[in-house]
Amino acid sequence: MIGIRFTYIAKNAGQHFLGLLLNAVNIEDFIWQIDESDIYILPCKSNDYLFNSAIIDGYSFKNTINQKRYFVVSCSLKAYPSWGSVKDLSTYKDYVNSDCQMIVVITDNQFVTILAKKDIMIKNIETKIKNYSISLSMEYITELDDDRYLTNI
């Protein structure tokens, strides 16, 4: 198993969805790369984005996703260990060969794909999703084409 894919119910997830989802792993152990972020602080006043930086340390990331109220339209989040090298990843092969430990892609405020190099991370997130009844459907990802672009996972 390399990941999970699910559709979530936004109203059940509340206004701290990323916190609910990612608190199942040790957020502060990572440096987070935030790409293609379309996450708005609530109440939304035009372009009040949740993140103002493309790279953020784990403690700041955790505080932001747990304390502020926000609405996730889409995003791509990548978790790197603090000793790791943060770099752009385009394909699944890039991910496998990188220090990146986890990728979270959310699209259209309902579709979530999570890849992780450690099964325990996926299992912990899966348990959290089931406990909060926020998923309509869930499937395991067992393989991906090496050339598959990560924005389309």
C-alpha atoms as a PDB file:
ATOM      1  CA  MET A   1       0.000   0.000   0.000  1.00  0.00           C
ATOM      2  CA  ILE A   2       1.380   3.393  -0.956  1.00  0.00           C
ATOM      3  CA  GLY A   3      -1.604   5.557  -0.139  1.00  0.00           C
ATOM      4  CA  ILE A   4      -5.315   6.140   0.124  1.00  0.00           C
ATOM      5  CA  ARG A   5      -7.858   8.044  -1.889  1.00  0.00           C
ATOM      6  CA  PHE A   6     -11.203   9.181  -0.566  1.00  0.00           C
ATOM      7  CA  THR A   7     -14.033  11.631  -1.012  1.00  0.00           C
ATOM      8  CA  TYR A   8     -14.866  13.611   2.081  1.00  0.00           C
ATOM      9  CA  ILE A   9     -17.920  15.447   3.322  1.00  0.00           C
ATOM     10  CA  ALA A  10     -16.839  19.054   3.929  1.00  0.00           C
ATOM     11  CA  LYS A  11     -19.606  19.843   6.419  1.00  0.00           C
ATOM     12  CA  ASN A  12     -18.598  16.829   8.566  1.00  0.00           C
ATOM     13  CA  ALA A  13     -14.927  17.815   8.412  1.00  0.00           C
ATOM     14  CA  GLY A  14     -15.501  21.276   9.855  1.00  0.00           C
ATOM     15  CA  GLN A  15     -13.292  24.329   9.456  1.00  0.00           C
ATOM     16  CA  HIS A  16     -10.044  22.621  10.493  1.00  0.00           C
ATOM     17  CA  PHE A  17     -10.003  19.756   7.985  1.00  0.00           C
ATOM     18  CA  LEU A  18      -6.228  19.617   7.543  1.00  0.00           C
ATOM     19  CA  GLY A  19      -5.751  19.571  11.298  1.00  0.00           C
ATOM     20  CA  LEU A  20      -8.288  16.789  11.692  1.00  0.00           C
ATOM     21  CA  LEU A  21      -6.624  14.789   8.935  1.00  0.00           C
ATOM     22  CA  LEU A  22      -2.944  15.388   9.621  1.00  0.00           C
ATOM     23  CA  ASN A  23      -2.909  15.313  13.422  1.00  0.00           C
ATOM     24  CA  ALA A  24      -2.826  11.551  12.950  1.00  0.00           C
ATOM     25  CA  VAL A  25       0.892  11.951  12.126  1.00  0.00           C
ATOM     26  CA  ASN A  26       3.652  13.920  13.839  1.00  0.00           C
ATOM     27  CA  ILE A  27       3.182  17.144  11.880  1.00  0.00           C
ATOM     28  CA  GLU A  28       5.934  18.990  13.723  1.00  0.00           C
ATOM     29  CA  ASP A  29       8.556  16.432  12.654  1.00  0.00           C
ATOM     30  CA  PHE A  30       8.381  17.704   9.079  1.00  0.00           C
ATOM     31  CA  ILE A  31       9.036  20.707   6.922  1.00  0.00           C
ATOM     32  CA  TRP A  32       5.944  21.314   4.792  1.00  0.00           C
ATOM     33  CA  GLN A  33       6.027  22.420   1.182  1.00  0.00           C
ATOM     34  CA  ILE A  34       2.766  24.016   0.144  1.00  0.00           C
ATOM     35  CA  ASP A  35       2.041  24.043  -3.586  1.00  0.00           C
ATOM     36  CA  GLU A  36      -1.032  25.065  -5.519  1.00  0.00           C
ATOM     37  CA  SER A  37      -2.683  26.242  -2.343  1.00  0.00           C
ATOM     38  CA  ASP A  38      -6.257  27.410  -2.649  1.00  0.00           C
ATOM     39  CA  ILE A  39      -7.130  27.509   1.053  1.00  0.00           C
ATOM     40  CA  TYR A  40      -9.003  30.537   2.363  1.00  0.00           C
ATOM     41  CA  ILE A  41      -9.215  31.911   5.889  1.00  0.00           C
ATOM     42  CA  LEU A  42     -12.805  32.261   7.111  1.00  0.00           C
ATOM     43  CA  PRO A  43     -14.627  34.527   6.882  1.00  0.00           C
ATOM     44  CA  CYS A  44     -13.263  34.951   3.395  1.00  0.00           C
ATOM     45  CA  LYS A  45     -12.520  38.558   2.354  1.00  0.00           C
ATOM     46  CA  SER A  46     -11.161  37.980  -1.175  1.00  0.00           C
ATOM     47  CA  ASN A  47      -7.611  36.622  -1.216  1.00  0.00           C
ATOM     48  CA  ASP A  48      -7.051  35.791   2.455  1.00  0.00           C
ATOM     49  CA  TYR A  49      -4.993  32.650   1.957  1.00  0.00           C
ATOM     50  CA  LEU A  50      -4.187  30.368   4.865  1.00  0.00           C
ATOM     51  CA  PHE A  51      -0.511  30.097   3.947  1.00  0.00           C
ATOM     52  CA  ASN A  52       1.706  32.991   2.906  1.00  0.00           C
ATOM     53  CA  SER A  53       4.819  30.899   2.402  1.00  0.00           C
ATOM     54  CA  ALA A  54       5.619  27.943   0.164  1.00  0.00           C
ATOM     55  CA  ILE A  55       7.709  26.243   2.861  1.00  0.00           C
ATOM     56  CA  ILE A  56       6.816  26.194   6.542  1.00  0.00           C
ATOM     57  CA  ASP A  57       8.217  24.423   9.597  1.00  0.00           C
ATOM     58  CA  GLY A  58       6.142  21.739  11.294  1.00  0.00           C
ATOM     59  CA  TYR A  59       5.276  23.708  14.435  1.00  0.00           C
ATOM     60  CA  SER A  60       4.015  26.719  12.466  1.00  0.00           C
ATOM     61  CA  PHE A  61       2.143  24.448  10.069  1.00  0.00           C
ATOM     62  CA  LYS A  62       0.463  22.600  12.954  1.00  0.00           C
ATOM     63  CA  ASN A  63      -0.550  25.829  14.705  1.00  0.00           C
ATOM     64  CA  THR A  64      -1.959  27.272  11.494  1.00  0.00           C
ATOM     65  CA  ILE A  65      -4.089  24.253  10.535  1.00  0.00           C
ATOM     66  CA  ASN A  66      -5.398  23.747  14.071  1.00  0.00           C
ATOM     67  CA  GLN A  67      -6.090  27.320  15.191  1.00  0.00           C
ATOM     68  CA  LYS A  68      -7.349  29.226  12.167  1.00  0.00           C
ATOM     69  CA  ARG A  69     -10.705  28.610  10.527  1.00  0.00           C
ATOM     70  CA  TYR A  70     -10.408  27.940   6.807  1.00  0.00           C
ATOM     71  CA  PHE A  71     -11.980  26.436   3.710  1.00  0.00           C
ATOM     72  CA  VAL A  72      -9.936  24.078   1.498  1.00  0.00           C
ATOM     73  CA  VAL A  73     -10.684  24.264  -2.217  1.00  0.00           C
ATOM     74  CA  SER A  74      -7.496  22.576  -3.373  1.00  0.00           C
ATOM     75  CA  CYS A  75      -3.891  22.110  -2.343  1.00  0.00           C
ATOM     76  CA  SER A  76      -0.809  19.969  -2.644  1.00  0.00           C
ATOM     77  CA  LEU A  77       1.168  19.472   0.569  1.00  0.00           C
ATOM     78  CA  LYS A  78       4.476  17.655   0.833  1.00  0.00           C
ATOM     79  CA  ALA A  79       6.104  16.581   4.107  1.00  0.00           C
ATOM     80  CA  TYR A  80       9.906  16.414   4.302  1.00  0.00           C
ATOM     81  CA  PRO A  81      11.946  15.391   7.326  1.00  0.00           C
ATOM     82  CA  SER A  82      13.787  18.312   8.927  1.00  0.00           C
ATOM     83  CA  TRP A  83      17.084  16.919   7.633  1.00  0.00           C
ATOM     84  CA  GLY A  84      15.665  16.353   4.136  1.00  0.00           C
ATOM     85  CA  SER A  85      16.094  18.265   0.948  1.00  0.00           C
ATOM     86  CA  VAL A  86      12.958  20.062  -0.268  1.00  0.00           C
ATOM     87  CA  LYS A  87      12.644  20.002  -4.038  1.00  0.00           C
ATOM     88  CA  ASP A  88      10.009  20.149  -6.721  1.00  0.00           C
ATOM     89  CA  LEU A  89       8.411  16.816  -7.504  1.00  0.00           C
ATOM     90  CA  SER A  90       6.563  16.273 -10.743  1.00  0.00           C
ATOM     91  CA  THR A  91       6.137  12.527 -11.060  1.00  0.00           C
ATOM     92  CA  TYR A  92       5.654   9.576  -8.784  1.00  0.00           C
ATOM     93  CA  LYS A  93       9.207   8.489  -9.609  1.00  0.00           C
ATOM     94  CA  ASP A  94      10.481  11.878  -8.374  1.00  0.00           C
ATOM     95  CA  TYR A  95       8.611  11.288  -5.105  1.00  0.00           C
ATOM     96  CA  VAL A  96       9.988   7.769  -4.619  1.00  0.00           C
ATOM     97  CA  ASN A  97      13.548   9.011  -5.162  1.00  0.00           C
ATOM     98  CA  SER A  98      13.167  12.053  -2.878  1.00  0.00           C
ATOM     99  CA  ASP A  99      13.301  12.692   0.867  1.00  0.00           C
ATOM    100  CA  CYS A 100       9.579  13.525   0.793  1.00  0.00           C
ATOM    101  CA  GLN A 101       7.688  11.283   3.226  1.00  0.00           C
ATOM    102  CA  MET A 102       4.087  12.168   2.441  1.00  0.00           C
ATOM    103  CA  ILE A 103       2.027  13.981  -0.185  1.00  0.00           C
ATOM    104  CA  VAL A 104      -1.519  15.230   0.373  1.00  0.00           C
ATOM    105  CA  VAL A 105      -3.505  16.424  -2.651  1.00  0.00           C
ATOM    106  CA  ILE A 106      -6.996  17.871  -2.230  1.00  0.00           C
ATOM    107  CA  THR A 107      -9.103  18.890  -5.211  1.00  0.00           C
ATOM    108  CA  ASP A 108     -12.551  20.404  -5.627  1.00  0.00           C
ATOM    109  CA  ASN A 109     -13.118  20.592  -1.853  1.00  0.00           C
ATOM    110  CA  GLN A 110     -13.902  16.884  -1.706  1.00  0.00           C
ATOM    111  CA  PHE A 111     -11.319  14.580  -3.285  1.00  0.00           C
ATOM    112  CA  VAL A 112      -8.262  13.626  -1.221  1.00  0.00           C
ATOM    113  CA  THR A 113      -5.273  11.526  -2.205  1.00  0.00           C
ATOM    114  CA  ILE A 114      -2.514  10.780   0.284  1.00  0.00           C
ATOM    115  CA  LEU A 115       0.727   9.003  -0.501  1.00  0.00           C
ATOM    116  CA  ALA A 116       3.121   8.037   2.289  1.00  0.00           C
ATOM    117  CA  LYS A 117       6.327   6.075   2.438  1.00  0.00           C
ATOM    118  CA  LYS A 118       5.416   4.566   5.815  1.00  0.00           C
ATOM    119  CA  ASP A 119       2.296   2.412   6.077  1.00  0.00           C
ATOM    120  CA  ILE A 120       1.722   3.531   9.681  1.00  0.00           C
ATOM    121  CA  MET A 121       1.077   7.085   8.493  1.00  0.00           C
ATOM    122  CA  ILE A 122      -1.640   5.880   6.127  1.00  0.00           C
ATOM    123  CA  LYS A 123      -3.154   3.595   8.775  1.00  0.00           C
ATOM    124  CA  ASN A 124      -3.285   6.423  11.345  1.00  0.00           C
ATOM    125  CA  ILE A 125      -4.947   8.793   8.881  1.00  0.00           C
ATOM    126  CA  GLU A 126      -7.397   6.085   7.808  1.00  0.00           C
ATOM    127  CA  THR A 127      -8.367   5.478  11.450  1.00  0.00           C
ATOM    128  CA  LYS A 128      -8.904   9.205  12.006  1.00  0.00           C
ATOM    129  CA  ILE A 129     -11.114   9.446   8.901  1.00  0.00           C
ATOM    130  CA  LYS A 130     -13.239   6.504  10.009  1.00  0.00           C
ATOM    131  CA  ASN A 131     -13.553   7.805  13.591  1.00  0.00           C
ATOM    132  CA  TYR A 132     -14.874  11.165  12.402  1.00  0.00           C
ATOM    133  CA  SER A 133     -17.152   9.764   9.678  1.00  0.00           C
ATOM    134  CA  ILE A 134     -15.953  12.278   7.118  1.00  0.00           C
ATOM    135  CA  SER A 135     -15.467   9.920   4.187  1.00  0.00           C
ATOM    136  CA  LEU A 136     -18.010   8.898   1.576  1.00  0.00           C
ATOM    137  CA  SER A 137     -15.723   6.328   0.002  1.00  0.00           C
ATOM    138  CA  MET A 138     -12.165   5.145   0.479  1.00  0.00           C
ATOM    139  CA  GLU A 139      -9.771   3.066  -1.559  1.00  0.00           C
ATOM    140  CA  TYR A 140      -6.187   1.966  -1.129  1.00  0.00           C
ATOM    141  CA  ILE A 141      -3.569   2.925  -3.666  1.00  0.00           C
ATOM    142  CA  THR A 142      -1.203   0.030  -4.218  1.00  0.00           C
ATOM    143  CA  GLU A 143       0.735   1.208  -7.257  1.00  0.00           C
ATOM    144  CA  LEU A 144       1.177   4.175  -9.535  1.00  0.00           C
ATOM    145  CA  ASP A 145       2.838   4.586 -12.909  1.00  0.00           C
ATOM    146  CA  ASP A 146       6.305   6.123 -12.447  1.00  0.00           C
ATOM    147  CA  ASP A 147       5.433   8.843 -14.953  1.00  0.00           C
ATOM    148  CA  ARG A 148       2.153   9.812 -13.328  1.00  0.00           C
ATOM    149  CA  TYR A 149       2.110  13.478 -12.442  1.00  0.00           C
ATOM    150  CA  LEU A 150       1.496  14.128  -8.767  1.00  0.00           C
ATOM    151  CA  THR A 151      -1.017  16.896  -9.344  1.00  0.00           C
ATOM    152  CA  ASN A 152      -3.293  14.312 -10.939  1.00  0.00           C
ATOM    153  CA  ILE A 153      -2.972  11.522  -8.409  1.00  0.00           C
END
